[in-house]
Amino acid sequence: MARIEGVSKAQAGPVVKLVYRFGPGMMKKMTGRDPRTGNGIEPIEIWAHQPRMLVGMGRFNQAVRKGKSVDERIRNLVELKGAQMIGCEYCVDLGSQICRNSGLTDAELLALPRYQSSDLFTDREKAALDYTVAVMRTPVEVTDELFARVHSYFDDRQLVEITALLTLVNLDRFNAAFGIGAAGFSDGMVCVPPDRPHSSAAPAGPR
C-alpha cells in the first residue's frame, strides 16, 4: 500500500477521470493481462493530486515512447534494468510482464541482473545495458570510453532515444518514494527483483 492515498474517481476532475477511464486498458495492452492487485494505475492516482503535472508527465511519456529508432527488445531491456536499479517494485512487476509479453523468456529475465556474464544477450544489448547502468547511477558515470563503445552500436538518433527513455525511467523514483507496491502483473511468473541493497529481498523467481 502506498504511503498516501490516490485521488478517487469521485474526487477527480474531468481530465483525470478521462485518464482513469483509459488507463487500465492501456496497461492491459502493454502487459497482455490484468493486474492481480488493484486496478494497476495506482501511480496515476497519486500523480492526480497535481493534475497539471499528471498531464505534463503523460505528454512527455507519450513523446518518448513514440520513438521508433530503437528496437522494442532493447527498449524494454533498458527500461526494466533502469527500474530495477531504482528499486521500484511497481515498475519491475510491470516491466517484467511487458518484457515477457513482447517475447523475452523467463531465462532472460532471470539473467538480467547478471547480464554481463550471460550468453543470452548480444554484445549490442550488453552495451546498451552497460550504458543504462552508468546513466542511472548517481552521479552519472558515463565515461568517454563507454560512450564510444555504445556509439559504435547505436547512431545519434538512437542514443538520444535511449537516453530520453532512461530520463523517463528516472520518474520511477516517484513510485519508489511513495512506496507504490507491485500490482501483480507478474504474479505467478518470473519477475526481476528490484535492487534493495539494505533489505532481504527475495531472489528472482515466480511471484
N, C-alpha and C. Protein backbone atom coordinates (compact mmCIF):
# COMPACT_ATOMS: atom_id res chain seq x y z
N MET A 1 0.84 -1.20 0.00
CA MET A 1 0.00 0.00 0.00
C MET A 1 0.88 1.25 0.00
N ALA A 2 0.53 2.21 -0.83
CA ALA A 2 1.33 3.43 -0.94
C ALA A 2 1.23 4.27 0.32
N ARG A 3 2.18 5.18 0.48
CA ARG A 3 2.27 6.00 1.69
C ARG A 3 1.18 7.06 1.76
N ILE A 4 0.59 7.41 0.62
CA ILE A 4 -0.55 8.32 0.62
C ILE A 4 -1.62 7.72 -0.29
N GLU A 5 -2.86 8.14 -0.10
CA GLU A 5 -3.95 7.65 -0.93
C GLU A 5 -4.02 8.45 -2.23
N GLY A 6 -4.39 7.77 -3.28
CA GLY A 6 -4.57 8.44 -4.55
C GLY A 6 -5.90 9.17 -4.59
N VAL A 7 -6.09 9.93 -5.64
CA VAL A 7 -7.33 10.67 -5.83
C VAL A 7 -8.40 9.70 -6.32
N SER A 8 -9.51 9.65 -5.64
CA SER A 8 -10.58 8.74 -6.05
C SER A 8 -11.28 9.27 -7.29
N LYS A 9 -12.01 8.41 -7.96
CA LYS A 9 -12.74 8.82 -9.16
C LYS A 9 -13.76 9.89 -8.82
N ALA A 10 -14.37 9.79 -7.64
CA ALA A 10 -15.38 10.77 -7.23
C ALA A 10 -14.77 12.15 -7.02
N GLN A 11 -13.51 12.19 -6.61
CA GLN A 11 -12.83 13.47 -6.34
C GLN A 11 -12.17 14.05 -7.59
N ALA A 12 -11.99 13.23 -8.60
CA ALA A 12 -11.22 13.64 -9.77
C ALA A 12 -11.98 14.60 -10.67
N GLY A 13 -11.20 15.48 -11.33
CA GLY A 13 -11.77 16.39 -12.31
C GLY A 13 -11.97 15.67 -13.64
N PRO A 14 -12.53 16.36 -14.63
CA PRO A 14 -12.84 15.74 -15.93
C PRO A 14 -11.63 15.12 -16.63
N VAL A 15 -10.51 15.82 -16.63
CA VAL A 15 -9.33 15.30 -17.32
C VAL A 15 -8.81 14.05 -16.64
N VAL A 16 -8.73 14.08 -15.32
CA VAL A 16 -8.24 12.92 -14.57
C VAL A 16 -9.19 11.74 -14.75
N LYS A 17 -10.50 12.01 -14.74
CA LYS A 17 -11.46 10.92 -14.95
C LYS A 17 -11.25 10.27 -16.32
N LEU A 18 -10.89 11.08 -17.31
CA LEU A 18 -10.64 10.54 -18.64
C LEU A 18 -9.41 9.62 -18.62
N VAL A 19 -8.38 10.05 -17.90
CA VAL A 19 -7.17 9.22 -17.76
C VAL A 19 -7.52 7.92 -17.05
N TYR A 20 -8.32 8.02 -15.99
CA TYR A 20 -8.73 6.82 -15.25
C TYR A 20 -9.52 5.86 -16.16
N ARG A 21 -10.29 6.43 -17.06
CA ARG A 21 -11.13 5.60 -17.93
C ARG A 21 -10.29 4.75 -18.88
N PHE A 22 -9.26 5.36 -19.45
CA PHE A 22 -8.48 4.66 -20.46
C PHE A 22 -7.21 4.01 -19.91
N GLY A 23 -6.79 4.39 -18.70
CA GLY A 23 -5.56 3.87 -18.13
C GLY A 23 -5.49 2.35 -18.03
N PRO A 24 -6.49 1.71 -17.41
CA PRO A 24 -6.43 0.25 -17.28
C PRO A 24 -6.33 -0.49 -18.62
N GLY A 25 -7.04 0.01 -19.63
CA GLY A 25 -6.98 -0.62 -20.94
C GLY A 25 -5.59 -0.51 -21.57
N MET A 26 -4.95 0.64 -21.37
CA MET A 26 -3.60 0.83 -21.89
C MET A 26 -2.62 -0.12 -21.22
N MET A 27 -2.79 -0.31 -19.91
CA MET A 27 -1.91 -1.21 -19.18
C MET A 27 -2.09 -2.64 -19.66
N LYS A 28 -3.33 -3.04 -19.90
CA LYS A 28 -3.57 -4.40 -20.37
C LYS A 28 -2.99 -4.60 -21.76
N LYS A 29 -3.05 -3.58 -22.59
CA LYS A 29 -2.49 -3.69 -23.94
C LYS A 29 -0.99 -3.91 -23.87
N MET A 30 -0.31 -3.24 -22.94
CA MET A 30 1.14 -3.39 -22.82
C MET A 30 1.54 -4.73 -22.22
N THR A 31 0.74 -5.20 -21.26
CA THR A 31 1.13 -6.38 -20.49
C THR A 31 0.47 -7.67 -20.96
N GLY A 32 -0.66 -7.55 -21.61
CA GLY A 32 -1.37 -8.74 -22.05
C GLY A 32 -2.20 -9.40 -20.97
N ARG A 33 -2.29 -8.78 -19.80
CA ARG A 33 -3.09 -9.36 -18.71
C ARG A 33 -3.50 -8.27 -17.73
N ASP A 34 -4.48 -8.58 -16.91
CA ASP A 34 -4.94 -7.65 -15.89
C ASP A 34 -4.07 -7.77 -14.64
N PRO A 35 -3.98 -6.70 -13.85
CA PRO A 35 -3.24 -6.78 -12.59
C PRO A 35 -3.97 -7.70 -11.61
N ARG A 36 -3.24 -8.25 -10.67
CA ARG A 36 -3.85 -9.11 -9.65
C ARG A 36 -4.12 -8.36 -8.36
N THR A 37 -3.60 -7.15 -8.25
CA THR A 37 -3.79 -6.33 -7.05
C THR A 37 -4.26 -4.94 -7.47
N GLY A 38 -5.48 -4.58 -7.16
CA GLY A 38 -5.99 -3.27 -7.51
C GLY A 38 -6.23 -3.12 -9.00
N ASN A 39 -6.21 -1.87 -9.45
CA ASN A 39 -6.53 -1.59 -10.85
C ASN A 39 -5.29 -1.37 -11.72
N GLY A 40 -4.11 -1.41 -11.12
CA GLY A 40 -2.89 -1.29 -11.89
C GLY A 40 -2.47 0.12 -12.24
N ILE A 41 -3.24 1.12 -11.82
CA ILE A 41 -2.88 2.51 -12.16
C ILE A 41 -2.66 3.36 -10.91
N GLU A 42 -2.20 2.74 -9.84
CA GLU A 42 -2.00 3.49 -8.59
C GLU A 42 -1.06 4.67 -8.74
N PRO A 43 0.05 4.57 -9.50
CA PRO A 43 0.90 5.76 -9.67
C PRO A 43 0.13 6.94 -10.28
N ILE A 44 -0.74 6.66 -11.24
CA ILE A 44 -1.53 7.72 -11.87
C ILE A 44 -2.45 8.37 -10.84
N GLU A 45 -3.04 7.56 -9.98
CA GLU A 45 -3.96 8.09 -8.95
C GLU A 45 -3.23 9.02 -7.98
N ILE A 46 -1.95 8.74 -7.74
CA ILE A 46 -1.19 9.62 -6.84
C ILE A 46 -0.71 10.87 -7.58
N TRP A 47 -0.28 10.72 -8.81
CA TRP A 47 0.06 11.89 -9.63
C TRP A 47 -1.15 12.83 -9.74
N ALA A 48 -2.35 12.27 -9.67
CA ALA A 48 -3.57 13.05 -9.86
C ALA A 48 -3.79 14.11 -8.78
N HIS A 49 -3.04 14.07 -7.70
CA HIS A 49 -3.09 15.17 -6.72
C HIS A 49 -2.61 16.47 -7.36
N GLN A 50 -1.84 16.35 -8.45
CA GLN A 50 -1.36 17.51 -9.21
C GLN A 50 -1.74 17.27 -10.68
N PRO A 51 -2.98 17.58 -11.06
CA PRO A 51 -3.47 17.26 -12.41
C PRO A 51 -2.60 17.80 -13.54
N ARG A 52 -2.09 19.01 -13.40
CA ARG A 52 -1.28 19.57 -14.48
C ARG A 52 0.03 18.79 -14.62
N MET A 53 0.59 18.39 -13.49
CA MET A 53 1.81 17.58 -13.54
C MET A 53 1.51 16.22 -14.17
N LEU A 54 0.37 15.65 -13.83
CA LEU A 54 -0.04 14.38 -14.41
C LEU A 54 -0.13 14.48 -15.93
N VAL A 55 -0.76 15.53 -16.41
CA VAL A 55 -0.91 15.72 -17.86
C VAL A 55 0.46 15.94 -18.51
N GLY A 56 1.30 16.76 -17.89
CA GLY A 56 2.63 17.02 -18.44
C GLY A 56 3.49 15.77 -18.47
N MET A 57 3.44 15.01 -17.40
CA MET A 57 4.18 13.76 -17.34
C MET A 57 3.68 12.80 -18.42
N GLY A 58 2.37 12.75 -18.61
CA GLY A 58 1.79 11.88 -19.62
C GLY A 58 2.23 12.26 -21.03
N ARG A 59 2.29 13.55 -21.31
CA ARG A 59 2.71 14.00 -22.64
C ARG A 59 4.17 13.67 -22.90
N PHE A 60 5.00 13.86 -21.89
CA PHE A 60 6.42 13.51 -22.02
C PHE A 60 6.56 12.01 -22.25
N ASN A 61 5.81 11.24 -21.47
CA ASN A 61 5.83 9.79 -21.60
C ASN A 61 5.46 9.36 -23.02
N GLN A 62 4.38 9.93 -23.54
CA GLN A 62 3.93 9.58 -24.89
C GLN A 62 4.95 9.97 -25.94
N ALA A 63 5.55 11.16 -25.80
CA ALA A 63 6.52 11.63 -26.78
C ALA A 63 7.73 10.69 -26.85
N VAL A 64 8.23 10.28 -25.68
CA VAL A 64 9.40 9.40 -25.64
C VAL A 64 9.05 8.04 -26.21
N ARG A 65 7.88 7.53 -25.89
CA ARG A 65 7.50 6.19 -26.32
C ARG A 65 7.12 6.12 -27.80
N LYS A 66 6.99 7.25 -28.43
CA LYS A 66 6.72 7.25 -29.87
C LYS A 66 8.00 7.09 -30.68
N GLY A 67 9.14 7.11 -30.02
CA GLY A 67 10.40 6.89 -30.71
C GLY A 67 10.46 5.50 -31.32
N LYS A 68 10.91 5.40 -32.54
CA LYS A 68 10.92 4.12 -33.25
C LYS A 68 12.30 3.76 -33.82
N SER A 69 13.33 4.48 -33.41
CA SER A 69 14.65 4.21 -33.98
C SER A 69 15.36 3.04 -33.30
N VAL A 70 14.90 2.65 -32.11
CA VAL A 70 15.50 1.55 -31.36
C VAL A 70 14.49 0.40 -31.29
N ASP A 71 14.97 -0.82 -31.48
CA ASP A 71 14.05 -1.96 -31.48
C ASP A 71 13.44 -2.18 -30.10
N GLU A 72 12.25 -2.77 -30.11
CA GLU A 72 11.46 -2.92 -28.89
C GLU A 72 12.18 -3.73 -27.82
N ARG A 73 12.89 -4.76 -28.20
CA ARG A 73 13.57 -5.60 -27.22
C ARG A 73 14.57 -4.79 -26.39
N ILE A 74 15.38 -3.99 -27.06
CA ILE A 74 16.38 -3.20 -26.33
C ILE A 74 15.69 -2.14 -25.49
N ARG A 75 14.67 -1.50 -26.01
CA ARG A 75 13.94 -0.51 -25.22
C ARG A 75 13.40 -1.14 -23.93
N ASN A 76 12.82 -2.32 -24.05
CA ASN A 76 12.25 -2.98 -22.88
C ASN A 76 13.32 -3.42 -21.89
N LEU A 77 14.43 -3.95 -22.40
CA LEU A 77 15.52 -4.36 -21.52
C LEU A 77 16.10 -3.18 -20.76
N VAL A 78 16.33 -2.10 -21.48
CA VAL A 78 16.89 -0.89 -20.87
C VAL A 78 15.96 -0.34 -19.80
N GLU A 79 14.68 -0.28 -20.12
CA GLU A 79 13.73 0.28 -19.16
C GLU A 79 13.61 -0.60 -17.92
N LEU A 80 13.58 -1.91 -18.10
CA LEU A 80 13.45 -2.80 -16.95
C LEU A 80 14.71 -2.75 -16.08
N LYS A 81 15.88 -2.73 -16.71
CA LYS A 81 17.12 -2.65 -15.93
C LYS A 81 17.17 -1.34 -15.15
N GLY A 82 16.77 -0.24 -15.77
CA GLY A 82 16.76 1.04 -15.07
C GLY A 82 15.81 1.03 -13.89
N ALA A 83 14.62 0.46 -14.07
CA ALA A 83 13.64 0.38 -12.99
C ALA A 83 14.16 -0.49 -11.86
N GLN A 84 14.87 -1.56 -12.20
CA GLN A 84 15.44 -2.44 -11.19
C GLN A 84 16.43 -1.68 -10.33
N MET A 85 17.27 -0.85 -10.96
CA MET A 85 18.29 -0.09 -10.21
C MET A 85 17.65 0.90 -9.25
N ILE A 86 16.52 1.49 -9.65
CA ILE A 86 15.83 2.45 -8.78
C ILE A 86 15.21 1.74 -7.59
N GLY A 87 14.85 0.47 -7.76
CA GLY A 87 14.24 -0.28 -6.67
C GLY A 87 12.73 -0.12 -6.61
N CYS A 88 12.12 0.16 -7.77
CA CYS A 88 10.67 0.38 -7.82
C CYS A 88 9.94 -0.95 -7.99
N GLU A 89 9.24 -1.39 -6.95
CA GLU A 89 8.53 -2.67 -7.00
C GLU A 89 7.45 -2.67 -8.08
N TYR A 90 6.70 -1.59 -8.16
CA TYR A 90 5.64 -1.49 -9.17
C TYR A 90 6.23 -1.63 -10.57
N CYS A 91 7.35 -0.97 -10.80
CA CYS A 91 7.93 -0.90 -12.14
C CYS A 91 8.53 -2.22 -12.60
N VAL A 92 9.21 -2.94 -11.69
CA VAL A 92 9.79 -4.21 -12.12
C VAL A 92 8.71 -5.27 -12.32
N ASP A 93 7.64 -5.18 -11.53
CA ASP A 93 6.50 -6.07 -11.72
C ASP A 93 5.88 -5.82 -13.10
N LEU A 94 5.61 -4.56 -13.39
CA LEU A 94 5.03 -4.18 -14.68
C LEU A 94 6.00 -4.46 -15.83
N GLY A 95 7.25 -4.04 -15.66
CA GLY A 95 8.24 -4.18 -16.71
C GLY A 95 8.56 -5.62 -17.05
N SER A 96 8.58 -6.48 -16.04
CA SER A 96 8.84 -7.90 -16.31
C SER A 96 7.76 -8.50 -17.20
N GLN A 97 6.51 -8.13 -16.92
CA GLN A 97 5.42 -8.66 -17.73
C GLN A 97 5.40 -8.04 -19.13
N ILE A 98 5.75 -6.76 -19.24
CA ILE A 98 5.84 -6.14 -20.57
C ILE A 98 6.91 -6.85 -21.40
N CYS A 99 8.06 -7.12 -20.78
CA CYS A 99 9.13 -7.83 -21.49
C CYS A 99 8.68 -9.22 -21.91
N ARG A 100 8.02 -9.93 -21.00
CA ARG A 100 7.55 -11.28 -21.30
C ARG A 100 6.51 -11.24 -22.43
N ASN A 101 5.63 -10.27 -22.37
CA ASN A 101 4.58 -10.14 -23.37
C ASN A 101 5.15 -9.79 -24.75
N SER A 102 6.33 -9.20 -24.77
CA SER A 102 6.95 -8.83 -26.04
C SER A 102 7.90 -9.91 -26.55
N GLY A 103 8.04 -11.01 -25.79
CA GLY A 103 8.82 -12.13 -26.31
C GLY A 103 10.03 -12.56 -25.51
N LEU A 104 10.40 -11.83 -24.45
CA LEU A 104 11.53 -12.27 -23.64
C LEU A 104 11.17 -13.53 -22.86
N THR A 105 12.14 -14.39 -22.68
CA THR A 105 11.92 -15.64 -21.97
C THR A 105 12.16 -15.46 -20.46
N ASP A 106 11.67 -16.42 -19.70
CA ASP A 106 11.93 -16.39 -18.26
C ASP A 106 13.43 -16.46 -17.98
N ALA A 107 14.15 -17.23 -18.77
CA ALA A 107 15.60 -17.35 -18.59
C ALA A 107 16.29 -16.00 -18.78
N GLU A 108 15.82 -15.24 -19.75
CA GLU A 108 16.41 -13.91 -20.00
C GLU A 108 16.09 -12.95 -18.86
N LEU A 109 14.87 -13.03 -18.34
CA LEU A 109 14.51 -12.17 -17.21
C LEU A 109 15.35 -12.52 -15.99
N LEU A 110 15.55 -13.81 -15.73
CA LEU A 110 16.35 -14.24 -14.59
C LEU A 110 17.81 -13.84 -14.74
N ALA A 111 18.28 -13.75 -16.00
CA ALA A 111 19.68 -13.42 -16.25
C ALA A 111 19.95 -11.92 -16.25
N LEU A 112 18.91 -11.11 -16.32
CA LEU A 112 19.12 -9.66 -16.47
C LEU A 112 19.96 -9.05 -15.35
N PRO A 113 19.75 -9.40 -14.08
CA PRO A 113 20.60 -8.80 -13.04
C PRO A 113 22.08 -9.11 -13.23
N ARG A 114 22.41 -10.19 -13.94
CA ARG A 114 23.81 -10.59 -14.17
C ARG A 114 24.07 -10.67 -15.67
N TYR A 115 23.55 -9.71 -16.39
CA TYR A 115 23.58 -9.74 -17.86
C TYR A 115 24.99 -9.80 -18.42
N GLN A 116 25.98 -9.21 -17.74
CA GLN A 116 27.33 -9.14 -18.29
C GLN A 116 27.95 -10.52 -18.47
N SER A 117 27.56 -11.46 -17.60
CA SER A 117 28.15 -12.81 -17.68
C SER A 117 27.23 -13.80 -18.38
N SER A 118 26.14 -13.32 -18.96
CA SER A 118 25.17 -14.20 -19.61
C SER A 118 25.38 -14.23 -21.11
N ASP A 119 25.19 -15.42 -21.69
CA ASP A 119 25.28 -15.55 -23.15
C ASP A 119 23.92 -15.40 -23.82
N LEU A 120 22.91 -14.96 -23.04
CA LEU A 120 21.57 -14.76 -23.57
C LEU A 120 21.38 -13.38 -24.20
N PHE A 121 22.38 -12.52 -24.01
CA PHE A 121 22.30 -11.17 -24.55
C PHE A 121 23.45 -10.92 -25.52
N THR A 122 23.17 -10.21 -26.58
CA THR A 122 24.20 -9.90 -27.57
C THR A 122 25.13 -8.82 -27.04
N ASP A 123 26.27 -8.63 -27.72
CA ASP A 123 27.20 -7.57 -27.33
C ASP A 123 26.53 -6.20 -27.44
N ARG A 124 25.68 -6.04 -28.44
CA ARG A 124 24.96 -4.78 -28.62
C ARG A 124 24.03 -4.52 -27.44
N GLU A 125 23.31 -5.57 -27.02
CA GLU A 125 22.40 -5.43 -25.87
C GLU A 125 23.17 -5.17 -24.59
N LYS A 126 24.31 -5.84 -24.43
CA LYS A 126 25.12 -5.61 -23.23
C LYS A 126 25.67 -4.18 -23.20
N ALA A 127 26.02 -3.66 -24.35
CA ALA A 127 26.49 -2.27 -24.40
C ALA A 127 25.38 -1.32 -23.96
N ALA A 128 24.16 -1.57 -24.45
CA ALA A 128 23.02 -0.73 -24.06
C ALA A 128 22.75 -0.85 -22.56
N LEU A 129 22.89 -2.04 -22.01
CA LEU A 129 22.66 -2.24 -20.58
C LEU A 129 23.78 -1.62 -19.75
N ASP A 130 25.02 -1.69 -20.23
CA ASP A 130 26.13 -1.01 -19.54
C ASP A 130 25.87 0.50 -19.51
N TYR A 131 25.39 1.03 -20.61
CA TYR A 131 25.06 2.46 -20.68
C TYR A 131 23.93 2.78 -19.72
N THR A 132 22.94 1.90 -19.65
CA THR A 132 21.83 2.09 -18.71
C THR A 132 22.33 2.19 -17.28
N VAL A 133 23.18 1.25 -16.89
CA VAL A 133 23.72 1.24 -15.52
C VAL A 133 24.47 2.54 -15.24
N ALA A 134 25.26 2.99 -16.19
CA ALA A 134 26.05 4.20 -15.99
C ALA A 134 25.17 5.45 -15.91
N VAL A 135 24.15 5.52 -16.75
CA VAL A 135 23.25 6.68 -16.75
C VAL A 135 22.42 6.73 -15.47
N MET A 136 21.98 5.57 -14.99
CA MET A 136 21.07 5.53 -13.84
C MET A 136 21.78 5.72 -12.50
N ARG A 137 23.09 5.61 -12.49
CA ARG A 137 23.82 5.82 -11.24
C ARG A 137 23.81 7.29 -10.86
N THR A 138 23.97 7.55 -9.57
CA THR A 138 24.08 8.93 -9.09
C THR A 138 25.40 9.09 -8.36
N PRO A 139 26.33 9.93 -8.88
CA PRO A 139 26.20 10.70 -10.12
C PRO A 139 26.33 9.80 -11.35
N VAL A 140 25.94 10.35 -12.49
CA VAL A 140 26.03 9.63 -13.75
C VAL A 140 27.49 9.25 -14.01
N GLU A 141 27.72 8.02 -14.50
CA GLU A 141 29.08 7.52 -14.69
C GLU A 141 29.35 7.10 -16.13
N VAL A 142 28.90 7.89 -17.08
CA VAL A 142 29.15 7.59 -18.49
C VAL A 142 30.53 8.14 -18.86
N THR A 143 31.49 7.25 -19.04
CA THR A 143 32.84 7.66 -19.42
C THR A 143 32.93 7.83 -20.93
N ASP A 144 33.98 8.50 -21.37
CA ASP A 144 34.20 8.65 -22.81
C ASP A 144 34.36 7.29 -23.47
N GLU A 145 35.04 6.37 -22.80
CA GLU A 145 35.26 5.04 -23.35
C GLU A 145 33.93 4.29 -23.52
N LEU A 146 33.08 4.35 -22.48
CA LEU A 146 31.78 3.69 -22.57
C LEU A 146 30.94 4.32 -23.67
N PHE A 147 30.93 5.64 -23.74
CA PHE A 147 30.11 6.30 -24.75
C PHE A 147 30.56 5.91 -26.16
N ALA A 148 31.87 5.84 -26.34
CA ALA A 148 32.39 5.47 -27.66
C ALA A 148 31.97 4.04 -28.02
N ARG A 149 31.99 3.16 -27.04
CA ARG A 149 31.60 1.77 -27.30
C ARG A 149 30.12 1.68 -27.65
N VAL A 150 29.28 2.39 -26.88
CA VAL A 150 27.85 2.37 -27.16
C VAL A 150 27.56 3.01 -28.52
N HIS A 151 28.30 4.07 -28.82
CA HIS A 151 28.11 4.78 -30.09
C HIS A 151 28.48 3.91 -31.29
N SER A 152 29.32 2.91 -31.06
CA SER A 152 29.69 2.01 -32.16
C SER A 152 28.53 1.08 -32.54
N TYR A 153 27.55 0.96 -31.65
CA TYR A 153 26.38 0.12 -31.90
C TYR A 153 25.13 0.93 -32.24
N PHE A 154 25.07 2.18 -31.76
CA PHE A 154 23.86 3.00 -31.92
C PHE A 154 24.23 4.35 -32.50
N ASP A 155 23.43 4.82 -33.47
CA ASP A 155 23.71 6.13 -34.05
C ASP A 155 23.17 7.24 -33.15
N ASP A 156 23.34 8.49 -33.58
CA ASP A 156 22.98 9.63 -32.74
C ASP A 156 21.50 9.61 -32.36
N ARG A 157 20.64 9.38 -33.35
CA ARG A 157 19.19 9.36 -33.08
C ARG A 157 18.84 8.27 -32.06
N GLN A 158 19.45 7.12 -32.20
CA GLN A 158 19.17 6.02 -31.29
C GLN A 158 19.67 6.32 -29.87
N LEU A 159 20.82 6.96 -29.77
CA LEU A 159 21.35 7.31 -28.46
C LEU A 159 20.46 8.34 -27.76
N VAL A 160 19.95 9.28 -28.53
CA VAL A 160 19.03 10.26 -27.94
C VAL A 160 17.77 9.55 -27.45
N GLU A 161 17.27 8.61 -28.23
CA GLU A 161 16.06 7.89 -27.83
C GLU A 161 16.30 7.06 -26.57
N ILE A 162 17.40 6.33 -26.52
CA ILE A 162 17.70 5.52 -25.34
C ILE A 162 17.87 6.39 -24.10
N THR A 163 18.60 7.50 -24.25
CA THR A 163 18.84 8.38 -23.11
C THR A 163 17.57 9.07 -22.66
N ALA A 164 16.70 9.43 -23.60
CA ALA A 164 15.41 10.01 -23.23
C ALA A 164 14.57 8.99 -22.48
N LEU A 165 14.62 7.73 -22.92
CA LEU A 165 13.87 6.68 -22.24
C LEU A 165 14.38 6.51 -20.81
N LEU A 166 15.68 6.57 -20.62
CA LEU A 166 16.24 6.45 -19.26
C LEU A 166 15.88 7.67 -18.41
N THR A 167 15.77 8.83 -19.03
CA THR A 167 15.29 10.01 -18.31
C THR A 167 13.86 9.78 -17.84
N LEU A 168 13.06 9.16 -18.70
CA LEU A 168 11.70 8.81 -18.33
C LEU A 168 11.68 7.78 -17.20
N VAL A 169 12.57 6.79 -17.28
CA VAL A 169 12.64 5.77 -16.24
C VAL A 169 12.94 6.40 -14.88
N ASN A 170 13.69 7.48 -14.88
CA ASN A 170 14.01 8.14 -13.61
C ASN A 170 12.76 8.63 -12.89
N LEU A 171 11.67 8.82 -13.64
CA LEU A 171 10.41 9.18 -12.99
C LEU A 171 9.89 8.06 -12.09
N ASP A 172 10.44 6.85 -12.27
CA ASP A 172 10.06 5.74 -11.40
C ASP A 172 10.45 6.01 -9.95
N ARG A 173 11.34 6.95 -9.73
CA ARG A 173 11.70 7.33 -8.36
C ARG A 173 10.46 7.86 -7.62
N PHE A 174 9.55 8.43 -8.36
CA PHE A 174 8.28 8.89 -7.79
C PHE A 174 7.56 7.72 -7.13
N ASN A 175 7.45 6.61 -7.86
CA ASN A 175 6.76 5.44 -7.33
C ASN A 175 7.48 4.86 -6.12
N ALA A 176 8.81 4.79 -6.22
CA ALA A 176 9.58 4.22 -5.12
C ALA A 176 9.47 5.08 -3.86
N ALA A 177 9.49 6.41 -4.04
CA ALA A 177 9.40 7.31 -2.89
C ALA A 177 8.08 7.18 -2.16
N PHE A 178 7.00 6.95 -2.91
CA PHE A 178 5.68 6.81 -2.30
C PHE A 178 5.37 5.37 -1.89
N GLY A 179 6.34 4.47 -2.08
CA GLY A 179 6.15 3.09 -1.65
C GLY A 179 5.06 2.37 -2.42
N ILE A 180 4.92 2.69 -3.69
CA ILE A 180 3.89 2.03 -4.50
C ILE A 180 4.35 0.61 -4.82
N GLY A 181 3.60 -0.36 -4.35
CA GLY A 181 3.99 -1.76 -4.50
C GLY A 181 3.59 -2.36 -5.82
N ALA A 182 3.96 -3.61 -6.01
CA ALA A 182 3.63 -4.35 -7.22
C ALA A 182 2.12 -4.48 -7.37
N ALA A 183 1.66 -4.39 -8.61
CA ALA A 183 0.23 -4.52 -8.89
C ALA A 183 -0.15 -5.94 -9.27
N GLY A 184 0.85 -6.84 -9.30
CA GLY A 184 0.54 -8.23 -9.60
C GLY A 184 0.48 -8.57 -11.08
N PHE A 185 1.08 -7.74 -11.93
CA PHE A 185 1.10 -8.07 -13.36
C PHE A 185 1.90 -9.34 -13.61
N SER A 186 2.90 -9.60 -12.75
CA SER A 186 3.76 -10.77 -12.92
C SER A 186 3.47 -11.86 -11.89
N ASP A 187 2.34 -11.79 -11.21
CA ASP A 187 2.01 -12.80 -10.21
C ASP A 187 2.05 -14.20 -10.81
N GLY A 188 2.72 -15.11 -10.12
CA GLY A 188 2.80 -16.49 -10.55
C GLY A 188 3.83 -16.74 -11.63
N MET A 189 4.60 -15.69 -11.99
CA MET A 189 5.58 -15.82 -13.05
C MET A 189 6.89 -15.18 -12.60
N VAL A 190 7.92 -15.37 -13.39
CA VAL A 190 9.22 -14.79 -13.07
C VAL A 190 9.14 -13.26 -13.11
N CYS A 191 9.75 -12.64 -12.13
CA CYS A 191 9.80 -11.18 -12.06
C CYS A 191 11.19 -10.77 -11.62
N VAL A 192 11.79 -9.84 -12.34
CA VAL A 192 13.10 -9.32 -11.95
C VAL A 192 12.97 -8.60 -10.61
N PRO A 193 13.83 -8.90 -9.63
CA PRO A 193 13.70 -8.25 -8.32
C PRO A 193 14.25 -6.84 -8.34
N PRO A 194 13.63 -5.92 -7.61
CA PRO A 194 14.20 -4.58 -7.50
C PRO A 194 15.48 -4.61 -6.68
N ASP A 195 16.41 -3.72 -6.99
CA ASP A 195 17.65 -3.63 -6.19
C ASP A 195 17.31 -3.02 -4.84
N ARG A 196 17.55 -3.76 -3.81
CA ARG A 196 17.34 -3.29 -2.45
C ARG A 196 18.53 -3.69 -1.60
N PRO A 197 19.66 -2.94 -1.72
CA PRO A 197 20.89 -3.35 -1.05
C PRO A 197 20.80 -3.44 0.47
N HIS A 198 19.84 -2.75 1.07
CA HIS A 198 19.74 -2.76 2.52
C HIS A 198 18.54 -3.55 3.01
N SER A 199 18.03 -4.45 2.17
CA SER A 199 16.90 -5.26 2.58
C SER A 199 17.17 -6.71 2.23
N SER A 200 16.31 -7.58 2.70
CA SER A 200 16.46 -9.01 2.42
C SER A 200 15.52 -9.41 1.30
N ALA A 201 15.63 -8.75 0.17
CA ALA A 201 14.76 -9.02 -0.96
C ALA A 201 14.94 -10.44 -1.44
N ALA A 202 13.85 -11.08 -1.82
CA ALA A 202 13.91 -12.46 -2.30
C ALA A 202 14.57 -12.51 -3.67
N PRO A 203 15.25 -13.60 -4.00
CA PRO A 203 15.85 -13.72 -5.34
C PRO A 203 14.77 -13.80 -6.40
N ALA A 204 15.20 -13.58 -7.65
CA ALA A 204 14.23 -13.63 -8.74
C ALA A 204 13.60 -15.00 -8.82
N GLY A 205 12.34 -15.05 -9.15
CA GLY A 205 11.63 -16.31 -9.26
C GLY A 205 10.17 -16.06 -9.41
N PRO A 206 9.36 -17.09 -9.48
CA PRO A 206 7.91 -16.90 -9.60
C PRO A 206 7.37 -16.09 -8.46
N ARG A 207 6.51 -15.15 -8.77
CA ARG A 207 5.91 -14.31 -7.73
C ARG A 207 4.68 -15.01 -7.18
